[in-house]
Each structure stands twice: as C-alpha cells, then as structure tokens.
Protein backbone atom coordinates (compact mmCIF):
# COMPACT_ATOMS: atom_id res chain seq x y z
CA MET A 1 0.00 0.00 0.00
CA ALA A 2 1.32 3.46 -0.88
CA LEU A 3 2.29 5.89 1.85
CA HIS A 4 -0.65 8.26 1.34
CA GLU A 5 -3.11 5.36 1.23
CA ARG A 6 -1.83 3.99 4.55
CA GLU A 7 -2.08 7.44 6.13
CA LYS A 8 -5.65 7.89 4.87
CA SER A 9 -6.63 4.51 6.22
CA GLY A 10 -5.35 5.49 9.67
CA ARG A 11 -2.98 2.54 9.77
CA GLY A 12 0.07 4.66 10.47
CA GLN A 13 3.06 5.80 8.47
CA PHE A 14 5.08 3.50 6.24
CA CYS A 15 8.87 3.83 6.04
CA ASP A 16 10.70 2.58 2.96
CA MET A 17 14.51 2.84 3.21
CA THR A 18 17.18 0.84 1.37
CA LEU A 19 20.98 0.73 1.50
CA HIS A 20 21.04 1.88 -2.13
CA ASP A 21 19.04 5.01 -1.30
CA CYS A 22 21.24 5.77 1.72
CA GLY A 23 24.35 5.42 -0.42
CA MET A 24 22.92 7.74 -3.06
CA ALA A 25 22.04 10.30 -0.39
CA LEU A 26 25.72 10.38 0.64
CA LEU A 27 26.85 11.54 -2.81
CA HIS A 28 26.65 15.23 -1.87
CA PRO A 29 28.24 17.39 -3.24
CA HIS A 30 29.38 15.14 -6.10
CA ALA A 31 25.85 14.50 -7.36
CA ALA A 32 24.97 18.21 -7.17
CA ASN A 33 28.15 19.10 -9.09
CA PHE A 34 27.25 16.55 -11.76
CA PHE A 35 23.72 17.90 -12.10
CA LEU A 36 25.12 21.41 -12.54
CA ASN A 37 27.86 20.74 -15.10
CA GLY A 38 27.27 17.23 -16.43
CA LYS A 39 30.90 16.27 -15.78
CA ARG A 40 32.04 13.16 -13.97
CA PRO A 41 33.56 14.25 -10.63
CA LYS A 42 37.22 13.45 -10.01
CA ALA A 43 38.42 11.85 -6.81
CA THR A 44 39.79 14.53 -4.49
CA GLY A 45 40.80 12.46 -1.46
CA ASN A 46 40.36 14.30 1.82
CA PRO A 47 39.82 17.85 0.47
CA HIS A 48 36.24 18.95 -0.13
CA PRO A 49 35.77 19.55 -3.87
CA ASN A 50 33.81 22.79 -3.38
CA LEU A 51 35.39 24.33 -0.26
CA ALA A 52 38.87 25.38 0.85
CA PRO A 53 40.39 24.97 3.32
CA TYR A 54 38.36 21.86 4.14
CA SER A 55 40.89 19.06 4.52
CA LYS A 56 43.54 17.49 6.72
CA PHE A 57 46.93 18.98 7.52
CA GLN A 58 50.06 17.81 9.30
CA THR A 59 51.11 19.46 12.56
CA ARG A 60 54.08 18.79 14.82
CA THR A 61 52.15 16.25 16.90
CA CYS A 62 49.40 14.84 14.69
CA GLU A 63 47.31 15.30 11.59
CA ILE A 64 44.28 17.56 11.97
CA PHE A 65 41.18 18.25 9.94
CA VAL A 66 40.02 21.85 9.59
CA ALA A 67 37.00 23.32 7.84
CA ALA A 68 36.51 26.97 6.96
CA GLY A 69 33.30 26.63 5.02
CA ASN A 70 32.71 30.26 4.04
CA ASP A 71 34.53 33.58 3.71
CA PRO A 72 33.76 34.94 7.22
CA ALA A 73 34.95 31.65 8.73
CA PHE A 74 38.14 31.85 6.67
CA ARG A 75 38.81 35.39 7.88
CA LYS A 76 38.31 34.25 11.48
CA PHE A 77 40.57 31.25 10.77
CA CYS A 78 43.36 33.51 9.49
CA GLU A 79 42.99 35.87 12.46
CA LEU A 80 43.32 32.95 14.87
CA LEU A 81 46.47 31.79 13.07
CA GLY A 82 47.97 35.28 13.28
CA MET A 83 48.09 35.83 9.52
CA PRO A 84 45.10 38.07 8.62
CA GLU A 85 46.85 39.20 5.44
CA ILE A 86 46.14 35.80 3.88
CA ALA A 87 42.39 36.48 4.01
CA SER A 88 42.82 39.66 1.93
CA ASP A 89 45.15 38.06 -0.61
CA PRO A 90 43.24 38.07 -3.95
CA ARG A 91 44.13 34.40 -4.40
CA PHE A 92 42.29 33.49 -1.19
CA ALA A 93 39.78 36.29 -0.54
CA THR A 94 36.79 34.22 -1.72
CA ASN A 95 36.00 30.54 -1.54
CA GLY A 96 36.00 30.28 -5.33
CA ALA A 97 39.49 31.79 -5.47
CA ARG A 98 40.68 29.48 -2.70
CA VAL A 99 39.43 26.40 -4.54
CA VAL A 100 41.26 27.52 -7.69
CA ASN A 101 44.43 28.24 -5.69
CA ARG A 102 44.05 25.31 -3.31
CA ASP A 103 47.64 24.06 -3.77
CA ALA A 104 49.15 27.43 -2.88
CA LEU A 105 46.91 27.77 0.18
CA THR A 106 47.73 24.23 1.30
CA GLU A 107 51.45 24.97 1.08
CA ILE A 108 51.04 28.08 3.25
CA LEU A 109 48.95 26.28 5.85
CA ASN A 110 51.25 23.25 6.03
CA ALA A 111 54.17 25.62 6.72
CA ARG A 112 52.14 27.46 9.37
CA PHE A 113 51.13 24.23 11.15
CA THR A 114 54.63 22.72 11.24
CA ASP A 115 55.41 23.79 14.82
CA GLU A 116 51.85 23.58 16.21
CA ASP A 117 50.54 21.01 18.66
CA GLY A 118 47.56 19.73 16.69
CA HIS A 119 45.51 18.82 19.76
CA GLU A 120 45.97 22.24 21.37
CA LEU A 121 45.42 24.09 18.08
CA THR A 122 42.14 22.34 17.33
CA ARG A 123 40.91 23.05 20.86
CA ARG A 124 41.59 26.75 20.25
CA MET A 125 39.81 26.58 16.91
CA LEU A 126 36.76 24.90 18.42
CA ALA A 127 36.65 27.53 21.17
CA ALA A 128 36.60 30.17 18.43
CA GLY A 129 33.71 28.44 16.66
CA LEU A 130 35.79 26.93 13.87
CA PRO A 131 35.20 23.24 13.02
CA ALA A 132 38.40 21.28 13.61
CA GLY A 133 39.73 18.17 15.27
CA PRO A 134 42.74 15.88 15.47
CA LEU A 135 42.75 12.70 13.41
CA LEU A 136 42.54 9.91 15.97
CA ASN A 137 43.53 6.27 15.77
CA ILE A 138 40.90 3.76 16.84
CA ASP A 139 42.33 3.34 20.34
CA GLU A 140 42.48 7.13 20.77
CA ALA A 141 38.91 7.58 19.51
CA MET A 142 37.62 4.91 21.90
CA ALA A 143 39.35 6.60 24.85
CA ALA A 144 38.36 10.17 23.97
CA ASP A 145 36.42 12.18 26.55
CA HIS A 146 33.74 13.09 24.01
CA THR A 147 33.25 9.43 23.13
CA ALA A 148 32.53 8.73 26.80
CA HIS A 149 30.25 11.77 27.06
CA ARG A 150 28.22 10.57 24.08
CA LYS A 151 28.11 7.00 25.48
CA MET A 152 29.52 5.59 22.27
CA VAL A 153 31.41 2.80 24.03
CA THR A 154 29.14 0.38 25.86
CA GLU A 155 30.12 -2.36 28.32
CA LEU A 156 28.19 -5.18 29.92
CA GLY A 157 30.10 -7.89 31.75
CA ALA A 158 32.96 -9.00 29.53
CA TYR A 159 31.31 -7.47 26.46
CA ARG A 160 32.56 -4.16 25.09
CA GLY A 161 31.30 -2.59 21.88
CA LEU A 162 30.00 0.52 20.16
CA GLY A 163 26.92 2.33 21.45
CA THR A 164 24.08 3.57 19.28
CA PRO A 165 24.38 6.96 17.55
CA ILE A 166 20.57 7.34 17.64
CA LYS A 167 19.52 8.68 21.02
CA LEU A 168 15.79 9.34 21.36
CA SER A 169 14.62 11.31 24.39
CA ARG A 170 12.17 8.69 25.69
CA THR A 171 13.91 5.59 24.35
CA PRO A 172 17.64 6.40 24.34
CA GLY A 173 18.69 2.82 23.66
CA GLY A 174 21.64 1.04 25.21
CA THR A 175 23.09 -2.39 25.87
CA ARG A 176 20.53 -4.56 27.67
CA SER A 177 22.14 -7.93 26.94
CA THR A 178 25.36 -9.28 25.52
CA PRO A 179 25.53 -10.71 22.00
CA PRO A 180 24.49 -14.39 22.11
CA ARG A 181 27.03 -17.15 21.66
CA PHE A 182 26.63 -19.53 18.74
CA ASN A 183 23.19 -21.21 18.97
CA GLU A 184 22.79 -19.95 22.54
CA HIS A 185 19.08 -19.29 22.00
CA GLY A 186 18.44 -21.82 19.25
CA GLU A 187 16.21 -24.16 21.24
CA ALA A 188 14.34 -21.29 22.93
CA VAL A 189 13.55 -19.73 19.54
CA LEU A 190 12.25 -23.05 18.21
CA ARG A 191 10.07 -23.59 21.30
CA ALA A 192 8.68 -20.07 20.93
CA HIS A 193 7.60 -21.07 17.43
CA GLY A 194 5.82 -24.21 18.56
CA PHE A 195 8.48 -26.93 18.25
CA SER A 196 8.28 -29.67 20.88
CA ASP A 197 11.28 -31.08 22.76
CA ALA A 198 11.02 -34.24 20.67
CA GLU A 199 11.07 -32.27 17.43
CA ILE A 200 14.02 -30.20 18.57
CA ALA A 201 15.90 -33.36 19.54
CA ALA A 202 15.17 -34.82 16.10
CA LEU A 203 16.51 -31.70 14.40
CA ALA A 204 19.69 -31.99 16.47
CA ARG A 205 20.12 -35.67 15.53
CA GLU A 206 19.65 -34.86 11.85
CA GLY A 207 22.27 -32.11 11.97
CA VAL A 208 19.78 -29.30 11.33
CA LEU A 209 20.25 -27.77 14.77
CA LEU A 210 23.97 -27.39 15.46
CA PRO A 211 25.09 -27.10 19.09
CA LYS A 212 28.59 -26.00 18.07
CA ARG A 213 30.03 -24.06 15.17
CA ARG A 214 31.46 -26.20 12.39
CA ARG A 215 35.20 -25.80 11.94
C-alpha cells in the first residue's frame, strides 16, 4: 500500500529505506556538481571539492582536519592563526578563489602548522567556533572524553562494543544484553515457534540444529 493510502486509512506511516538510497544520499556534493555541469567528478581524497580549506593537515604532533566553510569563517581562521593578510590576498579572498588556488593555500597552511601542537590548536579553533579536530587512531577515539560523554562505548560484563548513535529522548537505547554465543538461543527460539522437545531433539540428531560451530 502506498504511503498516502496507509495514512488515509489510519494505519500509520510507512517507512521505505534501502541501503542503495542511503548510499545515493551520501553523494553530496558530487551529485549536485554533476547535475550542474554534467561532468564526472574526479576523486579529491580528503579535500572537499567545493570548499577550501576543508581538509587534513600535518602538525608537529598529529594530523588535523580543519573546515573553513565560508569567507567569514576563513577570515576568522586567518585571524586565529595570526596571519590576517592571507584572508585579503586576492588568491584566497573568496572561496572560489581558494578552490582555484588550493595548492598554494595548502602549502602556506602546512608551513604554518609545522610547529603547532595539533591537539591544542584544534581546541583553540573549536573555542573560536571553527570546526576542527585531530585525526585519531581507533584506540584514541575509543578513549576520547567526548566518546565517553556521548556513550559511544558500551560495556556489559565482559562485552565491550560501540553504542548507538541514535539517542531518542524517551527511548535512548543502550546495551541490555550481551551478543548471544553460537546457537545460545536456538532451542528457545524453536520452542517459541511451537516446536516440541522431541522435534528439537530430532533436528539436532539430523544435523539441522547445530550445538557448536562447524570448523
């Protein structure tokens, strides 16, 4: 039944979502660029194809990712770095000019970041309202304070895993049980669906119900 028909019938809303559609939705801005110019986008790696600076850079202590998504943000970015003259340079005064002269801007920024502590620098940038952060390895990301604040590592007994990124106000989610071992609930599931003990035993004898994983 179509969405509007279900709504009219009072039977509630119908959600239709596929992995294909989710993947297509992640094609921004490449799809938008293609619709505008009809050209196949080229791979750009970490840099954003439409914005500069919007990429990763090397500092003395770590790689960082910074994003100055518009001209006011870029001017604030240059002020924070102590080089306001860069924002008035005709090569970098507008986002369009910065994208065209991306290589020259990247060279300047890499030189500026050489002696910076990336962790301290990105904290200063965030305090100034500029999106930035250090690139973390998995162990660093799992141990980060913000990861703990957002409850993105969950533990129950010996189990440790990732939490849910979807946190609803009334049903925030969370780990209520550990992942089952192989066939831990096999017999209980069959009983819940009406199988008798004799039928379950027969399935086990016939090799349909496996008590242990095959090697």
